[in-house]
Amino acid sequence: MDTREMLSQAMELPRSKLIGKEKLAELERWDSLALLNFMALVDANCQITLSADGLLKCESIAEVEKLITEARSRSDESVHQRD
């Protein structure tokens, strides 16, 4: 499941409504409940725990995608360091 799919599920919107350039503040359904739902989806699907503070700093879907990509990289690095 990709970032936009998780966001659309968290906000209960069709995925086709999110193209990636939207500002989160402009999305009618982006609220505290959607944020918590999104964090839970990311945790369940990507095994990544995002901080609410980090997510709240994101202004656009593209920035959320970047945050998850960076979190995945850090997660991959920590797995390799244990080997």
Foldseek 3Di string as FASTA:
>chain_A
DALLVLLCVLQVHPSVVPPWFDFLVPDPSNDPSSLVSSQVVCCVPVVFHDDSVCVVVGGTSNSVNVVSVVRSVVVVVVVVVVD
